[in-house]
Amino acid sequence: MACRVTEQGEMIRFKYGLPEITVSSLSLYTGAILEANLLPPPEPKESWASHYG
């Protein structure tokens, strides 16, 4: 499995300039990817159905 992340140039130093921040950022990305791919999607709320008809 491959994961590609696109960042603006000025954000690279901000997010990855220090090892502690790099580990934290990559941990957040990894958790979000796993959650999005392994957990079932949320059930639509009743209010959404009435709103979008």
PDB file of N, CA and C in Angstrom:
ATOM      1  N   MET A   1       0.845  -1.175   0.000  1.00  0.00           N
ATOM      2  CA  MET A   1       0.000   0.000   0.000  1.00  0.00           C
ATOM      3  C   MET A   1       0.886   1.232   0.000  1.00  0.00           C
ATOM      4  N   ALA A   2       0.535   2.211  -0.791  1.00  0.00           N
ATOM      5  CA  ALA A   2       1.283   3.465  -0.852  1.00  0.00           C
ATOM      6  C   ALA A   2       0.378   4.599  -0.414  1.00  0.00           C
ATOM      7  N   CYS A   3       0.976   5.588   0.166  1.00  0.00           N
ATOM      8  CA  CYS A   3       0.232   6.768   0.604  1.00  0.00           C
ATOM      9  C   CYS A   3       0.985   7.996   0.124  1.00  0.00           C
ATOM     10  N   ARG A   4       0.315   8.857  -0.580  1.00  0.00           N
ATOM     11  CA  ARG A   4       0.937  10.078  -1.074  1.00  0.00           C
ATOM     12  C   ARG A   4       0.295  11.265  -0.362  1.00  0.00           C
ATOM     13  N   VAL A   5       1.129  12.123   0.184  1.00  0.00           N
ATOM     14  CA  VAL A   5       0.656  13.318   0.878  1.00  0.00           C
ATOM     15  C   VAL A   5       1.197  14.525   0.136  1.00  0.00           C
ATOM     16  N   THR A   6       0.337  15.475  -0.155  1.00  0.00           N
ATOM     17  CA  THR A   6       0.751  16.703  -0.821  1.00  0.00           C
ATOM     18  C   THR A   6       0.722  17.836   0.191  1.00  0.00           C
ATOM     19  N   GLU A   7       1.821  18.538   0.299  1.00  0.00           N
ATOM     20  CA  GLU A   7       1.929  19.667   1.226  1.00  0.00           C
ATOM     21  C   GLU A   7       2.455  20.874   0.468  1.00  0.00           C
ATOM     22  N   GLN A   8       2.029  22.054   0.888  1.00  0.00           N
ATOM     23  CA  GLN A   8       2.603  23.275   0.345  1.00  0.00           C
ATOM     24  C   GLN A   8       4.014  23.419   0.892  1.00  0.00           C
ATOM     25  N   GLY A   9       4.894  24.016   0.118  1.00  0.00           N
ATOM     26  CA  GLY A   9       6.296  24.127   0.492  1.00  0.00           C
ATOM     27  C   GLY A   9       6.535  24.726   1.861  1.00  0.00           C
ATOM     28  N   GLU A  10       5.823  25.799   2.188  1.00  0.00           N
ATOM     29  CA  GLU A  10       6.047  26.456   3.483  1.00  0.00           C
ATOM     30  C   GLU A  10       5.552  25.606   4.652  1.00  0.00           C
ATOM     31  N   MET A  11       4.670  24.652   4.391  1.00  0.00           N
ATOM     32  CA  MET A  11       4.154  23.800   5.463  1.00  0.00           C
ATOM     33  C   MET A  11       5.093  22.637   5.771  1.00  0.00           C
ATOM     34  N   ILE A  12       5.963  22.295   4.839  1.00  0.00           N
ATOM     35  CA  ILE A  12       6.859  21.159   5.062  1.00  0.00           C
ATOM     36  C   ILE A  12       7.747  21.406   6.266  1.00  0.00           C
ATOM     37  N   ARG A  13       8.372  22.577   6.341  1.00  0.00           N
ATOM     38  CA  ARG A  13       9.244  22.862   7.476  1.00  0.00           C
ATOM     39  C   ARG A  13       8.435  22.933   8.768  1.00  0.00           C
ATOM     40  N   PHE A  14       7.241  23.515   8.704  1.00  0.00           N
ATOM     41  CA  PHE A  14       6.397  23.637   9.897  1.00  0.00           C
ATOM     42  C   PHE A  14       5.983  22.270  10.422  1.00  0.00           C
ATOM     43  N   LYS A  15       5.588  21.359   9.542  1.00  0.00           N
ATOM     44  CA  LYS A  15       5.083  20.057   9.975  1.00  0.00           C
ATOM     45  C   LYS A  15       6.162  19.005  10.173  1.00  0.00           C
ATOM     46  N   TYR A  16       7.289  19.161   9.494  1.00  0.00           N
ATOM     47  CA  TYR A  16       8.302  18.103   9.524  1.00  0.00           C
ATOM     48  C   TYR A  16       9.688  18.605   9.916  1.00  0.00           C
ATOM     49  N   GLY A  17       9.803  19.833  10.397  1.00  0.00           N
ATOM     50  CA  GLY A  17      11.100  20.407  10.734  1.00  0.00           C
ATOM     51  C   GLY A  17      11.730  19.822  11.980  1.00  0.00           C
ATOM     52  N   LEU A  18      10.929  19.332  12.896  1.00  0.00           N
ATOM     53  CA  LEU A  18      11.434  18.730  14.128  1.00  0.00           C
ATOM     54  C   LEU A  18      10.968  17.279  14.198  1.00  0.00           C
ATOM     55  N   PRO A  19      11.837  16.381  14.636  1.00  0.00           N
ATOM     56  CA  PRO A  19      11.458  14.958  14.683  1.00  0.00           C
ATOM     57  C   PRO A  19      10.190  14.689  15.492  1.00  0.00           C
ATOM     58  N   GLU A  20      10.008  15.381  16.610  1.00  0.00           N
ATOM     59  CA  GLU A  20       8.817  15.146  17.436  1.00  0.00           C
ATOM     60  C   GLU A  20       7.544  15.514  16.678  1.00  0.00           C
ATOM     61  N   ILE A  21       7.598  16.611  15.941  1.00  0.00           N
ATOM     62  CA  ILE A  21       6.431  17.052  15.172  1.00  0.00           C
ATOM     63  C   ILE A  21       6.188  16.102  14.000  1.00  0.00           C
ATOM     64  N   THR A  22       7.261  15.629  13.395  1.00  0.00           N
ATOM     65  CA  THR A  22       7.135  14.683  12.285  1.00  0.00           C
ATOM     66  C   THR A  22       6.425  13.412  12.730  1.00  0.00           C
ATOM     67  N   VAL A  23       6.848  12.857  13.852  1.00  0.00           N
ATOM     68  CA  VAL A  23       6.228  11.630  14.363  1.00  0.00           C
ATOM     69  C   VAL A  23       4.761  11.880  14.682  1.00  0.00           C
ATOM     70  N   SER A  24       4.455  13.020  15.295  1.00  0.00           N
ATOM     71  CA  SER A  24       3.068  13.347  15.635  1.00  0.00           C
ATOM     72  C   SER A  24       2.214  13.485  14.372  1.00  0.00           C
ATOM     73  N   SER A  25       2.713  14.207  13.374  1.00  0.00           N
ATOM     74  CA  SER A  25       1.959  14.402  12.133  1.00  0.00           C
ATOM     75  C   SER A  25       1.719  13.079  11.416  1.00  0.00           C
ATOM     76  N   LEU A  26       2.755  12.265  11.304  1.00  0.00           N
ATOM     77  CA  LEU A  26       2.594  10.980  10.620  1.00  0.00           C
ATOM     78  C   LEU A  26       1.681  10.041  11.393  1.00  0.00           C
ATOM     79  N   SER A  27       1.703  10.140  12.713  1.00  0.00           N
ATOM     80  CA  SER A  27       0.795   9.339  13.531  1.00  0.00           C
ATOM     81  C   SER A  27      -0.656   9.745  13.276  1.00  0.00           C
ATOM     82  N   LEU A  28      -0.908  11.040  13.180  1.00  0.00           N
ATOM     83  CA  LEU A  28      -2.265  11.517  12.881  1.00  0.00           C
ATOM     84  C   LEU A  28      -2.714  11.050  11.500  1.00  0.00           C
ATOM     85  N   TYR A  29      -1.837  11.166  10.500  1.00  0.00           N
ATOM     86  CA  TYR A  29      -2.172  10.712   9.150  1.00  0.00           C
ATOM     87  C   TYR A  29      -2.489   9.223   9.138  1.00  0.00           C
ATOM     88  N   THR A  30      -1.630   8.445   9.779  1.00  0.00           N
ATOM     89  CA  THR A  30      -1.808   6.994   9.794  1.00  0.00           C
ATOM     90  C   THR A  30      -3.117   6.605  10.461  1.00  0.00           C
ATOM     91  N   GLY A  31      -3.414   7.226  11.598  1.00  0.00           N
ATOM     92  CA  GLY A  31      -4.665   6.933  12.298  1.00  0.00           C
ATOM     93  C   GLY A  31      -5.882   7.276  11.462  1.00  0.00           C
ATOM     94  N   ALA A  32      -5.834   8.422  10.790  1.00  0.00           N
ATOM     95  CA  ALA A  32      -6.965   8.841   9.964  1.00  0.00           C
ATOM     96  C   ALA A  32      -7.161   7.906   8.773  1.00  0.00           C
ATOM     97  N   ILE A  33      -6.062   7.487   8.158  1.00  0.00           N
ATOM     98  CA  ILE A  33      -6.155   6.568   7.014  1.00  0.00           C
ATOM     99  C   ILE A  33      -6.724   5.225   7.448  1.00  0.00           C
ATOM    100  N   LEU A  34      -6.228   4.704   8.566  1.00  0.00           N
ATOM    101  CA  LEU A  34      -6.739   3.422   9.056  1.00  0.00           C
ATOM    102  C   LEU A  34      -8.215   3.519   9.423  1.00  0.00           C
ATOM    103  N   GLU A  35      -8.595   4.589  10.104  1.00  0.00           N
ATOM    104  CA  GLU A  35      -9.998   4.761  10.497  1.00  0.00           C
ATOM    105  C   GLU A  35     -10.899   4.857   9.274  1.00  0.00           C
ATOM    106  N   ALA A  36     -10.482   5.616   8.281  1.00  0.00           N
ATOM    107  CA  ALA A  36     -11.303   5.797   7.084  1.00  0.00           C
ATOM    108  C   ALA A  36     -11.446   4.509   6.283  1.00  0.00           C
ATOM    109  N   ASN A  37     -10.434   3.658   6.327  1.00  0.00           N
ATOM    110  CA  ASN A  37     -10.458   2.448   5.504  1.00  0.00           C
ATOM    111  C   ASN A  37     -10.944   1.198   6.224  1.00  0.00           C
ATOM    112  N   LEU A  38     -10.848   1.159   7.536  1.00  0.00           N
ATOM    113  CA  LEU A  38     -11.191  -0.063   8.260  1.00  0.00           C
ATOM    114  C   LEU A  38     -12.539  -0.004   8.973  1.00  0.00           C
ATOM    115  N   LEU A  39     -12.997   1.180   9.329  1.00  0.00           N
ATOM    116  CA  LEU A  39     -14.274   1.294  10.030  1.00  0.00           C
ATOM    117  C   LEU A  39     -15.408   1.474   9.033  1.00  0.00           C
ATOM    118  N   PRO A  40     -16.594   0.972   9.353  1.00  0.00           N
ATOM    119  CA  PRO A  40     -17.731   1.189   8.452  1.00  0.00           C
ATOM    120  C   PRO A  40     -18.112   2.667   8.442  1.00  0.00           C
ATOM    121  N   PRO A  41     -18.685   3.132   7.346  1.00  0.00           N
ATOM    122  CA  PRO A  41     -19.083   4.541   7.289  1.00  0.00           C
ATOM    123  C   PRO A  41     -20.216   4.811   8.276  1.00  0.00           C
ATOM    124  N   PRO A  42     -20.337   6.050   8.740  1.00  0.00           N
ATOM    125  CA  PRO A  42     -21.423   6.365   9.666  1.00  0.00           C
ATOM    126  C   PRO A  42     -22.778   6.266   8.970  1.00  0.00           C
ATOM    127  N   GLU A  43     -23.778   5.885   9.734  1.00  0.00           N
ATOM    128  CA  GLU A  43     -25.143   5.836   9.202  1.00  0.00           C
ATOM    129  C   GLU A  43     -25.654   7.268   9.011  1.00  0.00           C
ATOM    130  N   PRO A  44     -26.379   7.519   7.918  1.00  0.00           N
ATOM    131  CA  PRO A  44     -26.931   8.863   7.716  1.00  0.00           C
ATOM    132  C   PRO A  44     -27.938   9.200   8.814  1.00  0.00           C
ATOM    133  N   LYS A  45     -27.898  10.423   9.259  1.00  0.00           N
ATOM    134  CA  LYS A  45     -28.854  10.866  10.276  1.00  0.00           C
ATOM    135  C   LYS A  45     -30.199  11.133   9.616  1.00  0.00           C
ATOM    136  N   GLU A  46     -31.253  10.942  10.382  1.00  0.00           N
ATOM    137  CA  GLU A  46     -32.607  11.162   9.874  1.00  0.00           C
ATOM    138  C   GLU A  46     -32.775  12.597   9.371  1.00  0.00           C
ATOM    139  N   SER A  47     -32.178  13.546  10.068  1.00  0.00           N
ATOM    140  CA  SER A  47     -32.307  14.952   9.670  1.00  0.00           C
ATOM    141  C   SER A  47     -31.652  15.209   8.315  1.00  0.00           C
ATOM    142  N   TRP A  48     -30.620  14.440   7.974  1.00  0.00           N
ATOM    143  CA  TRP A  48     -29.988  14.604   6.673  1.00  0.00           C
ATOM    144  C   TRP A  48     -30.948  14.185   5.566  1.00  0.00           C
ATOM    145  N   ALA A  49     -31.637  13.068   5.775  1.00  0.00           N
ATOM    146  CA  ALA A  49     -32.555  12.561   4.753  1.00  0.00           C
ATOM    147  C   ALA A  49     -33.679  13.556   4.486  1.00  0.00           C
ATOM    148  N   SER A  50     -34.218  14.149   5.536  1.00  0.00           N
ATOM    149  CA  SER A  50     -35.305  15.108   5.344  1.00  0.00           C
ATOM    150  C   SER A  50     -34.791  16.396   4.708  1.00  0.00           C
ATOM    151  N   HIS A  51     -33.561  16.745   4.991  1.00  0.00           N
ATOM    152  CA  HIS A  51     -32.995  17.977   4.436  1.00  0.00           C
ATOM    153  C   HIS A  51     -32.692  17.828   2.946  1.00  0.00           C
ATOM    154  N   TYR A  52     -32.152  16.669   2.575  1.00  0.00           N
ATOM    155  CA  TYR A  52     -31.753  16.462   1.187  1.00  0.00           C
ATOM    156  C   TYR A  52     -32.796  15.705   0.368  1.00  0.00           C
ATOM    157  N   GLY A  53     -33.894  15.336   1.022  1.00  0.00           N
ATOM    158  CA  GLY A  53     -35.038  14.761   0.375  1.00  0.00           C
ATOM    159  C   GLY A  53     -34.843  13.542  -0.401  1.00  0.00           C
TER     160      GLY A  53
END
